[in-house]
């Protein structure tokens, strides 16, 4: 099992995954990222026209790389620290001796 999948599994089991997701959503809203991405989507749709030939999948493919670059470094660092804390907790739990009662 890779570290990534172990962290993913642990966060799902402990409920930390939803906490991380909620933290990310709130930080992206606070910094205005969501508004920027929404505006970007509107502009792309206006450029491509409304003839229904532009699919949601195409919009996502076009917006995703640009949107990722707009995520502030402070938000990335905060989430990285949160994930590191989770990894530390996993490590500490693994290092604790088993109770032999």
PDB file of N, CA and C in Angstrom:
ATOM      1  N   UNK A   1       0.854  -1.179   0.000  1.00  0.00           N
ATOM      2  CA  UNK A   1       0.000   0.000   0.000  1.00  0.00           C
ATOM      3  C   UNK A   1       0.897   1.239   0.000  1.00  0.00           C
ATOM      4  N   UNK A   2       0.614   2.171  -0.878  1.00  0.00           N
ATOM      5  CA  UNK A   2       1.412   3.395  -0.959  1.00  0.00           C
ATOM      6  C   UNK A   2       1.046   4.338   0.184  1.00  0.00           C
ATOM      7  N   UNK A   3       1.936   5.288   0.440  1.00  0.00           N
ATOM      8  CA  UNK A   3       1.687   6.274   1.494  1.00  0.00           C
ATOM      9  C   UNK A   3       0.420   7.053   1.178  1.00  0.00           C
ATOM     10  N   UNK A   4       0.272   7.415  -0.081  1.00  0.00           N
ATOM     11  CA  UNK A   4      -0.901   8.184  -0.496  1.00  0.00           C
ATOM     12  C   UNK A   4      -2.197   7.417  -0.215  1.00  0.00           C
ATOM     13  N   UNK A   5      -2.229   6.147  -0.575  1.00  0.00           N
ATOM     14  CA  UNK A   5      -3.448   5.374  -0.347  1.00  0.00           C
ATOM     15  C   UNK A   5      -3.661   5.112   1.147  1.00  0.00           C
ATOM     16  N   UNK A   6      -2.571   4.969   1.911  1.00  0.00           N
ATOM     17  CA  UNK A   6      -2.696   4.779   3.355  1.00  0.00           C
ATOM     18  C   UNK A   6      -3.289   6.020   4.010  1.00  0.00           C
ATOM     19  N   UNK A   7      -2.806   7.191   3.611  1.00  0.00           N
ATOM     20  CA  UNK A   7      -3.341   8.448   4.139  1.00  0.00           C
ATOM     21  C   UNK A   7      -4.793   8.594   3.730  1.00  0.00           C
ATOM     22  N   UNK A   8      -5.087   8.280   2.482  1.00  0.00           N
ATOM     23  CA  UNK A   8      -6.454   8.377   1.982  1.00  0.00           C
ATOM     24  C   UNK A   8      -7.378   7.473   2.790  1.00  0.00           C
ATOM     25  N   UNK A   9      -6.966   6.237   3.001  1.00  0.00           N
ATOM     26  CA  UNK A   9      -7.785   5.290   3.756  1.00  0.00           C
ATOM     27  C   UNK A   9      -7.954   5.759   5.207  1.00  0.00           C
ATOM     28  N   UNK A  10      -6.883   6.220   5.813  1.00  0.00           N
ATOM     29  CA  UNK A  10      -6.937   6.674   7.203  1.00  0.00           C
ATOM     30  C   UNK A  10      -7.867   7.879   7.344  1.00  0.00           C
ATOM     31  N   UNK A  11      -7.762   8.833   6.414  1.00  0.00           N
ATOM     32  CA  UNK A  11      -8.596  10.032   6.517  1.00  0.00           C
ATOM     33  C   UNK A  11     -10.074   9.708   6.337  1.00  0.00           C
ATOM     34  N   UNK A  12     -10.367   8.731   5.500  1.00  0.00           N
ATOM     35  CA  UNK A  12     -11.760   8.325   5.322  1.00  0.00           C
ATOM     36  C   UNK A  12     -12.279   7.666   6.598  1.00  0.00           C
ATOM     37  N   UNK A  13     -11.478   6.771   7.178  1.00  0.00           N
ATOM     38  CA  UNK A  13     -11.901   6.042   8.374  1.00  0.00           C
ATOM     39  C   UNK A  13     -12.097   6.953   9.578  1.00  0.00           C
ATOM     40  N   UNK A  14     -11.247   7.953   9.731  1.00  0.00           N
ATOM     41  CA  UNK A  14     -11.318   8.822  10.906  1.00  0.00           C
ATOM     42  C   UNK A  14     -12.226  10.025  10.711  1.00  0.00           C
ATOM     43  N   UNK A  15     -12.669  10.251   9.504  1.00  0.00           N
ATOM     44  CA  UNK A  15     -13.514  11.411   9.235  1.00  0.00           C
ATOM     45  C   UNK A  15     -12.713  12.662   8.927  1.00  0.00           C
ATOM     46  N   UNK A  16     -11.375  12.539   8.925  1.00  0.00           N
ATOM     47  CA  UNK A  16     -10.532  13.700   8.636  1.00  0.00           C
ATOM     48  C   UNK A  16     -10.665  14.155   7.183  1.00  0.00           C
ATOM     49  N   UNK A  17     -11.002  13.243   6.300  1.00  0.00           N
ATOM     50  CA  UNK A  17     -11.131  13.602   4.884  1.00  0.00           C
ATOM     51  C   UNK A  17     -12.185  14.696   4.696  1.00  0.00           C
ATOM     52  N   UNK A  18     -13.315  14.535   5.341  1.00  0.00           N
ATOM     53  CA  UNK A  18     -14.363  15.547   5.198  1.00  0.00           C
ATOM     54  C   UNK A  18     -13.943  16.861   5.849  1.00  0.00           C
ATOM     55  N   UNK A  19     -13.172  16.771   6.953  1.00  0.00           N
ATOM     56  CA  UNK A  19     -12.683  17.987   7.594  1.00  0.00           C
ATOM     57  C   UNK A  19     -11.705  18.725   6.678  1.00  0.00           C
ATOM     58  N   UNK A  20     -10.833  17.978   6.012  1.00  0.00           N
ATOM     59  CA  UNK A  20      -9.872  18.588   5.089  1.00  0.00           C
ATOM     60  C   UNK A  20     -10.618  19.214   3.913  1.00  0.00           C
ATOM     61  N   UNK A  21     -11.597  18.497   3.403  1.00  0.00           N
ATOM     62  CA  UNK A  21     -12.386  19.008   2.280  1.00  0.00           C
ATOM     63  C   UNK A  21     -13.137  20.276   2.677  1.00  0.00           C
ATOM     64  N   UNK A  22     -13.733  20.273   3.859  1.00  0.00           N
ATOM     65  CA  UNK A  22     -14.449  21.459   4.342  1.00  0.00           C
ATOM     66  C   UNK A  22     -13.502  22.640   4.521  1.00  0.00           C
ATOM     67  N   UNK A  23     -12.315  22.366   5.069  1.00  0.00           N
ATOM     68  CA  UNK A  23     -11.308  23.415   5.243  1.00  0.00           C
ATOM     69  C   UNK A  23     -10.910  24.004   3.895  1.00  0.00           C
ATOM     70  N   UNK A  24     -10.666  23.134   2.923  1.00  0.00           N
ATOM     71  CA  UNK A  24     -10.295  23.600   1.584  1.00  0.00           C
ATOM     72  C   UNK A  24     -11.397  24.464   0.983  1.00  0.00           C
ATOM     73  N   UNK A  25     -12.622  23.998   1.054  1.00  0.00           N
ATOM     74  CA  UNK A  25     -13.743  24.764   0.489  1.00  0.00           C
ATOM     75  C   UNK A  25     -13.876  26.133   1.147  1.00  0.00           C
ATOM     76  N   UNK A  26     -13.771  26.170   2.457  1.00  0.00           N
ATOM     77  CA  UNK A  26     -13.918  27.461   3.134  1.00  0.00           C
ATOM     78  C   UNK A  26     -12.771  28.407   2.794  1.00  0.00           C
ATOM     79  N   UNK A  27     -11.547  27.885   2.729  1.00  0.00           N
ATOM     80  CA  UNK A  27     -10.400  28.746   2.396  1.00  0.00           C
ATOM     81  C   UNK A  27     -10.483  29.264   0.960  1.00  0.00           C
ATOM     82  N   UNK A  28     -10.920  28.417   0.040  1.00  0.00           N
ATOM     83  CA  UNK A  28     -11.046  28.847  -1.355  1.00  0.00           C
ATOM     84  C   UNK A  28     -12.138  29.902  -1.513  1.00  0.00           C
ATOM     85  N   UNK A  29     -13.182  29.779  -0.723  1.00  0.00           N
ATOM     86  CA  UNK A  29     -14.241  30.787  -0.753  1.00  0.00           C
ATOM     87  C   UNK A  29     -13.739  32.098  -0.158  1.00  0.00           C
ATOM     88  N   UNK A  30     -13.051  32.001   0.984  1.00  0.00           N
ATOM     89  CA  UNK A  30     -12.543  33.195   1.669  1.00  0.00           C
ATOM     90  C   UNK A  30     -11.585  34.010   0.811  1.00  0.00           C
ATOM     91  N   UNK A  31     -10.751  33.331   0.038  1.00  0.00           N
ATOM     92  CA  UNK A  31      -9.745  34.044  -0.750  1.00  0.00           C
ATOM     93  C   UNK A  31     -10.265  34.506  -2.109  1.00  0.00           C
ATOM     94  N   UNK A  32     -11.507  34.163  -2.443  1.00  0.00           N
ATOM     95  CA  UNK A  32     -12.092  34.617  -3.698  1.00  0.00           C
ATOM     96  C   UNK A  32     -11.817  33.698  -4.879  1.00  0.00           C
ATOM     97  N   UNK A  33     -11.199  32.565  -4.630  1.00  0.00           N
ATOM     98  CA  UNK A  33     -10.862  31.626  -5.704  1.00  0.00           C
ATOM     99  C   UNK A  33     -12.119  31.127  -6.416  1.00  0.00           C
ATOM    100  N   UNK A  34     -13.126  30.772  -5.657  1.00  0.00           N
ATOM    101  CA  UNK A  34     -14.364  30.248  -6.265  1.00  0.00           C
ATOM    102  C   UNK A  34     -15.000  31.268  -7.203  1.00  0.00           C
ATOM    103  N   UNK A  35     -14.991  32.542  -6.800  1.00  0.00           N
ATOM    104  CA  UNK A  35     -15.554  33.590  -7.656  1.00  0.00           C
ATOM    105  C   UNK A  35     -14.742  33.735  -8.940  1.00  0.00           C
ATOM    106  N   UNK A  36     -13.408  33.643  -8.811  1.00  0.00           N
ATOM    107  CA  UNK A  36     -12.552  33.744  -9.996  1.00  0.00           C
ATOM    108  C   UNK A  36     -12.819  32.600 -10.972  1.00  0.00           C
ATOM    109  N   UNK A  37     -12.971  31.403 -10.439  1.00  0.00           N
ATOM    110  CA  UNK A  37     -13.214  30.234 -11.295  1.00  0.00           C
ATOM    111  C   UNK A  37     -14.596  30.324 -11.936  1.00  0.00           C
ATOM    112  N   UNK A  38     -15.567  30.774 -11.173  1.00  0.00           N
ATOM    113  CA  UNK A  38     -16.916  30.951 -11.719  1.00  0.00           C
ATOM    114  C   UNK A  38     -16.897  31.951 -12.887  1.00  0.00           C
ATOM    115  N   UNK A  39     -16.184  33.055 -12.690  1.00  0.00           N
ATOM    116  CA  UNK A  39     -16.058  34.066 -13.747  1.00  0.00           C
ATOM    117  C   UNK A  39     -15.326  33.492 -14.963  1.00  0.00           C
ATOM    118  N   UNK A  40     -14.288  32.708 -14.701  1.00  0.00           N
ATOM    119  CA  UNK A  40     -13.543  32.080 -15.788  1.00  0.00           C
ATOM    120  C   UNK A  40     -14.468  31.168 -16.609  1.00  0.00           C
ATOM    121  N   UNK A  41     -15.303  30.395 -15.930  1.00  0.00           N
ATOM    122  CA  UNK A  41     -16.249  29.507 -16.623  1.00  0.00           C
ATOM    123  C   UNK A  41     -17.228  30.303 -17.469  1.00  0.00           C
ATOM    124  N   UNK A  42     -17.745  31.376 -16.894  1.00  0.00           N
ATOM    125  CA  UNK A  42     -18.681  32.218 -17.658  1.00  0.00           C
ATOM    126  C   UNK A  42     -18.021  32.784 -18.908  1.00  0.00           C
ATOM    127  N   UNK A  43     -16.788  33.268 -18.773  1.00  0.00           N
ATOM    128  CA  UNK A  43     -16.080  33.841 -19.916  1.00  0.00           C
ATOM    129  C   UNK A  43     -15.831  32.800 -20.997  1.00  0.00           C
ATOM    130  N   UNK A  44     -15.441  31.607 -20.588  1.00  0.00           N
ATOM    131  CA  UNK A  44     -15.208  30.539 -21.566  1.00  0.00           C
ATOM    132  C   UNK A  44     -16.502  30.180 -22.277  1.00  0.00           C
ATOM    133  N   UNK A  45     -17.586  30.071 -21.515  1.00  0.00           N
ATOM    134  CA  UNK A  45     -18.870  29.737 -22.142  1.00  0.00           C
ATOM    135  C   UNK A  45     -19.334  30.833 -23.096  1.00  0.00           C
ATOM    136  N   UNK A  46     -19.081  32.085 -22.743  1.00  0.00           N
ATOM    137  CA  UNK A  46     -19.435  33.184 -23.643  1.00  0.00           C
ATOM    138  C   UNK A  46     -18.603  33.144 -24.919  1.00  0.00           C
ATOM    139  N   UNK A  47     -17.325  32.804 -24.794  1.00  0.00           N
ATOM    140  CA  UNK A  47     -16.452  32.706 -25.969  1.00  0.00           C
ATOM    141  C   UNK A  47     -16.855  31.557 -26.879  1.00  0.00           C
ATOM    142  N   UNK A  48     -17.220  30.426 -26.281  1.00  0.00           N
ATOM    143  CA  UNK A  48     -17.526  29.218 -27.058  1.00  0.00           C
ATOM    144  C   UNK A  48     -18.930  29.257 -27.647  1.00  0.00           C
ATOM    145  N   UNK A  49     -19.750  30.151 -27.137  1.00  0.00           N
ATOM    146  CA  UNK A  49     -21.116  30.244 -27.658  1.00  0.00           C
ATOM    147  C   UNK A  49     -22.059  29.336 -26.901  1.00  0.00           C
ATOM    148  N   UNK A  50     -23.290  29.460 -27.222  1.00  0.00           N
ATOM    149  CA  UNK A  50     -24.321  28.684 -26.528  1.00  0.00           C
ATOM    150  C   UNK A  50     -25.007  27.693 -27.456  1.00  0.00           C
ATOM    151  N   UNK A  51     -24.273  27.176 -28.424  1.00  0.00           N
ATOM    152  CA  UNK A  51     -24.887  26.249 -29.375  1.00  0.00           C
ATOM    153  C   UNK A  51     -24.880  24.799 -28.874  1.00  0.00           C
ATOM    154  N   UNK A  52     -24.610  24.618 -27.580  1.00  0.00           N
ATOM    155  CA  UNK A  52     -24.646  23.305 -26.913  1.00  0.00           C
ATOM    156  C   UNK A  52     -23.632  22.303 -27.448  1.00  0.00           C
ATOM    157  N   UNK A  53     -22.642  22.778 -28.223  1.00  0.00           N
ATOM    158  CA  UNK A  53     -21.615  21.850 -28.695  1.00  0.00           C
ATOM    159  C   UNK A  53     -20.454  21.755 -27.714  1.00  0.00           C
ATOM    160  N   UNK A  54     -20.427  22.643 -26.725  1.00  0.00           N
ATOM    161  CA  UNK A  54     -19.370  22.654 -25.725  1.00  0.00           C
ATOM    162  C   UNK A  54     -19.884  21.927 -24.492  1.00  0.00           C
ATOM    163  N   UNK A  55     -19.276  20.795 -24.157  1.00  0.00           N
ATOM    164  CA  UNK A  55     -19.784  19.962 -23.063  1.00  0.00           C
ATOM    165  C   UNK A  55     -19.190  20.374 -21.714  1.00  0.00           C
ATOM    166  N   UNK A  56     -19.804  19.872 -20.664  1.00  0.00           N
ATOM    167  CA  UNK A  56     -19.314  20.117 -19.310  1.00  0.00           C
ATOM    168  C   UNK A  56     -17.899  19.550 -19.172  1.00  0.00           C
ATOM    169  N   UNK A  57     -17.671  18.376 -19.741  1.00  0.00           N
ATOM    170  CA  UNK A  57     -16.354  17.752 -19.676  1.00  0.00           C
ATOM    171  C   UNK A  57     -15.298  18.627 -20.336  1.00  0.00           C
ATOM    172  N   UNK A  58     -15.644  19.244 -21.463  1.00  0.00           N
ATOM    173  CA  UNK A  58     -14.707  20.139 -22.147  1.00  0.00           C
ATOM    174  C   UNK A  58     -14.433  21.382 -21.299  1.00  0.00           C
ATOM    175  N   UNK A  59     -15.465  21.901 -20.662  1.00  0.00           N
ATOM    176  CA  UNK A  59     -15.303  23.063 -19.790  1.00  0.00           C
ATOM    177  C   UNK A  59     -14.380  22.720 -18.625  1.00  0.00           C
ATOM    178  N   UNK A  60     -14.608  21.578 -18.010  1.00  0.00           N
ATOM    179  CA  UNK A  60     -13.768  21.149 -16.894  1.00  0.00           C
ATOM    180  C   UNK A  60     -12.323  20.971 -17.345  1.00  0.00           C
ATOM    181  N   UNK A  61     -12.126  20.351 -18.498  1.00  0.00           N
ATOM    182  CA  UNK A  61     -10.770  20.132 -19.009  1.00  0.00           C
ATOM    183  C   UNK A  61     -10.052  21.450 -19.267  1.00  0.00           C
ATOM    184  N   UNK A  62     -10.778  22.458 -19.694  1.00  0.00           N
ATOM    185  CA  UNK A  62     -10.170  23.750 -19.990  1.00  0.00           C
ATOM    186  C   UNK A  62      -9.923  24.570 -18.725  1.00  0.00           C
ATOM    187  N   UNK A  63     -10.832  24.500 -17.774  1.00  0.00           N
ATOM    188  CA  UNK A  63     -10.748  25.327 -16.573  1.00  0.00           C
ATOM    189  C   UNK A  63      -9.785  24.746 -15.523  1.00  0.00           C
ATOM    190  N   UNK A  64      -9.752  23.442 -15.379  1.00  0.00           N
ATOM    191  CA  UNK A  64      -8.992  22.808 -14.293  1.00  0.00           C
ATOM    192  C   UNK A  64      -7.534  23.247 -14.205  1.00  0.00           C
ATOM    193  N   UNK A  65      -6.754  23.197 -15.288  1.00  0.00           N
ATOM    194  CA  UNK A  65      -5.344  23.605 -15.148  1.00  0.00           C
ATOM    195  C   UNK A  65      -5.189  25.065 -14.723  1.00  0.00           C
ATOM    196  N   UNK A  66      -6.038  25.922 -15.248  1.00  0.00           N
ATOM    197  CA  UNK A  66      -5.975  27.343 -14.890  1.00  0.00           C
ATOM    198  C   UNK A  66      -6.395  27.550 -13.441  1.00  0.00           C
ATOM    199  N   UNK A  67      -7.437  26.848 -13.026  1.00  0.00           N
ATOM    200  CA  UNK A  67      -7.952  26.995 -11.662  1.00  0.00           C
ATOM    201  C   UNK A  67      -6.929  26.516 -10.635  1.00  0.00           C
ATOM    202  N   UNK A  68      -6.216  25.453 -10.962  1.00  0.00           N
ATOM    203  CA  UNK A  68      -5.199  24.937 -10.036  1.00  0.00           C
ATOM    204  C   UNK A  68      -4.089  25.948  -9.809  1.00  0.00           C
ATOM    205  N   UNK A  69      -3.734  26.682 -10.843  1.00  0.00           N
ATOM    206  CA  UNK A  69      -2.661  27.675 -10.684  1.00  0.00           C
ATOM    207  C   UNK A  69      -3.119  28.868  -9.856  1.00  0.00           C
ATOM    208  N   UNK A  70      -4.421  29.067  -9.745  1.00  0.00           N
ATOM    209  CA  UNK A  70      -4.956  30.196  -8.982  1.00  0.00           C
ATOM    210  C   UNK A  70      -5.094  29.920  -7.482  1.00  0.00           C
ATOM    211  N   UNK A  71      -4.909  28.664  -7.061  1.00  0.00           N
ATOM    212  CA  UNK A  71      -5.011  28.349  -5.637  1.00  0.00           C
ATOM    213  C   UNK A  71      -3.841  29.020  -4.915  1.00  0.00           C
ATOM    214  N   UNK A  72      -4.127  29.867  -3.937  1.00  0.00           N
ATOM    215  CA  UNK A  72      -3.058  30.583  -3.240  1.00  0.00           C
ATOM    216  C   UNK A  72      -2.101  29.636  -2.504  1.00  0.00           C
ATOM    217  N   UNK A  73      -0.831  30.016  -2.472  1.00  0.00           N
ATOM    218  CA  UNK A  73       0.178  29.208  -1.795  1.00  0.00           C
ATOM    219  C   UNK A  73      -0.150  29.020  -0.319  1.00  0.00           C
ATOM    220  N   UNK A  74      -0.730  30.033   0.306  1.00  0.00           N
ATOM    221  CA  UNK A  74      -1.077  29.927   1.730  1.00  0.00           C
ATOM    222  C   UNK A  74      -2.079  28.799   1.968  1.00  0.00           C
ATOM    223  N   UNK A  75      -3.021  28.639   1.057  1.00  0.00           N
ATOM    224  CA  UNK A  75      -4.017  27.575   1.186  1.00  0.00           C
ATOM    225  C   UNK A  75      -3.340  26.220   1.004  1.00  0.00           C
ATOM    226  N   UNK A  76      -2.468  26.117   0.014  1.00  0.00           N
ATOM    227  CA  UNK A  76      -1.746  24.866  -0.219  1.00  0.00           C
ATOM    228  C   UNK A  76      -0.913  24.489   0.999  1.00  0.00           C
ATOM    229  N   UNK A  77      -0.220  25.468   1.576  1.00  0.00           N
ATOM    230  CA  UNK A  77       0.629  25.209   2.740  1.00  0.00           C
ATOM    231  C   UNK A  77      -0.202  24.776   3.943  1.00  0.00           C
ATOM    232  N   UNK A  78      -1.342  25.427   4.145  1.00  0.00           N
ATOM    233  CA  UNK A  78      -2.197  25.067   5.274  1.00  0.00           C
ATOM    234  C   UNK A  78      -2.695  23.633   5.149  1.00  0.00           C
ATOM    235  N   UNK A  79      -3.119  23.243   3.960  1.00  0.00           N
ATOM    236  CA  UNK A  79      -3.597  21.878   3.758  1.00  0.00           C
ATOM    237  C   UNK A  79      -2.463  20.872   3.897  1.00  0.00           C
ATOM    238  N   UNK A  80      -1.288  21.219   3.416  1.00  0.00           N
ATOM    239  CA  UNK A  80      -0.134  20.342   3.549  1.00  0.00           C
ATOM    240  C   UNK A  80       0.198  20.113   5.020  1.00  0.00           C
ATOM    241  N   UNK A  81       0.138  21.175   5.814  1.00  0.00           N
ATOM    242  CA  UNK A  81       0.398  21.040   7.257  1.00  0.00           C
ATOM    243  C   UNK A  81      -0.656  20.146   7.910  1.00  0.00           C
ATOM    244  N   UNK A  82      -1.896  20.291   7.509  1.00  0.00           N
ATOM    245  CA  UNK A  82      -2.975  19.459   8.063  1.00  0.00           C
ATOM    246  C   UNK A  82      -2.726  17.983   7.727  1.00  0.00           C
ATOM    247  N   UNK A  83      -2.323  17.708   6.504  1.00  0.00           N
ATOM    248  CA  UNK A  83      -2.043  16.327   6.088  1.00  0.00           C
ATOM    249  C   UNK A  83      -0.816  15.794   6.825  1.00  0.00           C
ATOM    250  N   UNK A  84       0.191  16.628   7.001  1.00  0.00           N
ATOM    251  CA  UNK A  84       1.376  16.205   7.764  1.00  0.00           C
ATOM    252  C   UNK A  84       1.006  15.855   9.201  1.00  0.00           C
ATOM    253  N   UNK A  85       0.115  16.635   9.786  1.00  0.00           N
ATOM    254  CA  UNK A  85      -0.345  16.333  11.153  1.00  0.00           C
ATOM    255  C   UNK A  85      -1.041  14.976  11.209  1.00  0.00           C
ATOM    256  N   UNK A  86      -1.816  14.684  10.190  1.00  0.00           N
ATOM    257  CA  UNK A  86      -2.492  13.390  10.116  1.00  0.00           C
ATOM    258  C   UNK A  86      -1.464  12.274  10.002  1.00  0.00           C
ATOM    259  N   UNK A  87      -0.450  12.468   9.172  1.00  0.00           N
ATOM    260  CA  UNK A  87       0.605  11.465   9.033  1.00  0.00           C
ATOM    261  C   UNK A  87       1.346  11.248  10.354  1.00  0.00           C
ATOM    262  N   UNK A  88       1.578  12.332  11.067  1.00  0.00           N
ATOM    263  CA  UNK A  88       2.240  12.237  12.367  1.00  0.00           C
ATOM    264  C   UNK A  88       1.393  11.418  13.330  1.00  0.00           C
ATOM    265  N   UNK A  89       0.092  11.655  13.321  1.00  0.00           N
ATOM    266  CA  UNK A  89      -0.814  10.887  14.178  1.00  0.00           C
ATOM    267  C   UNK A  89      -0.770   9.403  13.826  1.00  0.00           C
ATOM    268  N   UNK A  90      -0.751   9.093  12.534  1.00  0.00           N
ATOM    269  CA  UNK A  90      -0.682   7.695  12.093  1.00  0.00           C
ATOM    270  C   UNK A  90       0.603   7.064  12.609  1.00  0.00           C
ATOM    271  N   UNK A  91       1.689   7.788  12.462  1.00  0.00           N
ATOM    272  CA  UNK A  91       2.995   7.282  12.892  1.00  0.00           C
ATOM    273  C   UNK A  91       3.028   7.062  14.405  1.00  0.00           C
ATOM    274  N   UNK A  92       2.491   8.019  15.152  1.00  0.00           N
ATOM    275  CA  UNK A  92       2.475   7.893  16.607  1.00  0.00           C
ATOM    276  C   UNK A  92       1.618   6.712  17.059  1.00  0.00           C
ATOM    277  N   UNK A  93       0.495   6.512  16.404  1.00  0.00           N
ATOM    278  CA  UNK A  93      -0.367   5.378  16.749  1.00  0.00           C
ATOM    279  C   UNK A  93       0.313   4.058  16.437  1.00  0.00           C
ATOM    280  N   UNK A  94       1.072   4.018  15.334  1.00  0.00           N
ATOM    281  CA  UNK A  94       1.778   2.802  14.958  1.00  0.00           C
ATOM    282  C   UNK A  94       2.922   2.492  15.922  1.00  0.00           C
ATOM    283  N   UNK A  95       3.512   3.534  16.507  1.00  0.00           N
ATOM    284  CA  UNK A  95       4.638   3.361  17.417  1.00  0.00           C
ATOM    285  C   UNK A  95       4.212   3.026  18.848  1.00  0.00           C
ATOM    286  N   UNK A  96       2.943   3.256  19.172  1.00  0.00           N
ATOM    287  CA  UNK A  96       2.466   2.976  20.531  1.00  0.00           C
ATOM    288  C   UNK A  96       2.460   1.473  20.777  1.00  0.00           C
ATOM    289  N   UNK A  97       2.970   1.041  21.948  1.00  0.00           N
ATOM    290  CA  UNK A  97       2.955  -0.396  22.244  1.00  0.00           C
ATOM    291  C   UNK A  97       1.527  -0.888  22.451  1.00  0.00           C
ATOM    292  N   UNK A  98       1.303  -2.112  22.076  1.00  0.00           N
ATOM    293  CA  UNK A  98      -0.015  -2.741  22.238  1.00  0.00           C
ATOM    294  C   UNK A  98      -0.279  -2.945  23.725  1.00  0.00           C
ATOM    295  N   UNK A  99      -1.516  -2.742  24.154  1.00  0.00           N
ATOM    296  CA  UNK A  99      -1.896  -2.976  25.549  1.00  0.00           C
ATOM    297  C   UNK A  99      -2.099  -4.483  25.731  1.00  0.00           C
ATOM    298  N   UNK A 100      -1.316  -5.083  26.631  1.00  0.00           N
ATOM    299  CA  UNK A 100      -1.349  -6.527  26.793  1.00  0.00           C
ATOM    300  C   UNK A 100      -2.205  -6.958  27.979  1.00  0.00           C
ATOM    301  N   UNK A 101      -3.274  -6.260  28.269  1.00  0.00           N
ATOM    302  CA  UNK A 101      -4.125  -6.622  29.412  1.00  0.00           C
ATOM    303  C   UNK A 101      -4.958  -7.814  29.111  1.00  0.00           C
TER     304      UNK A 101
END
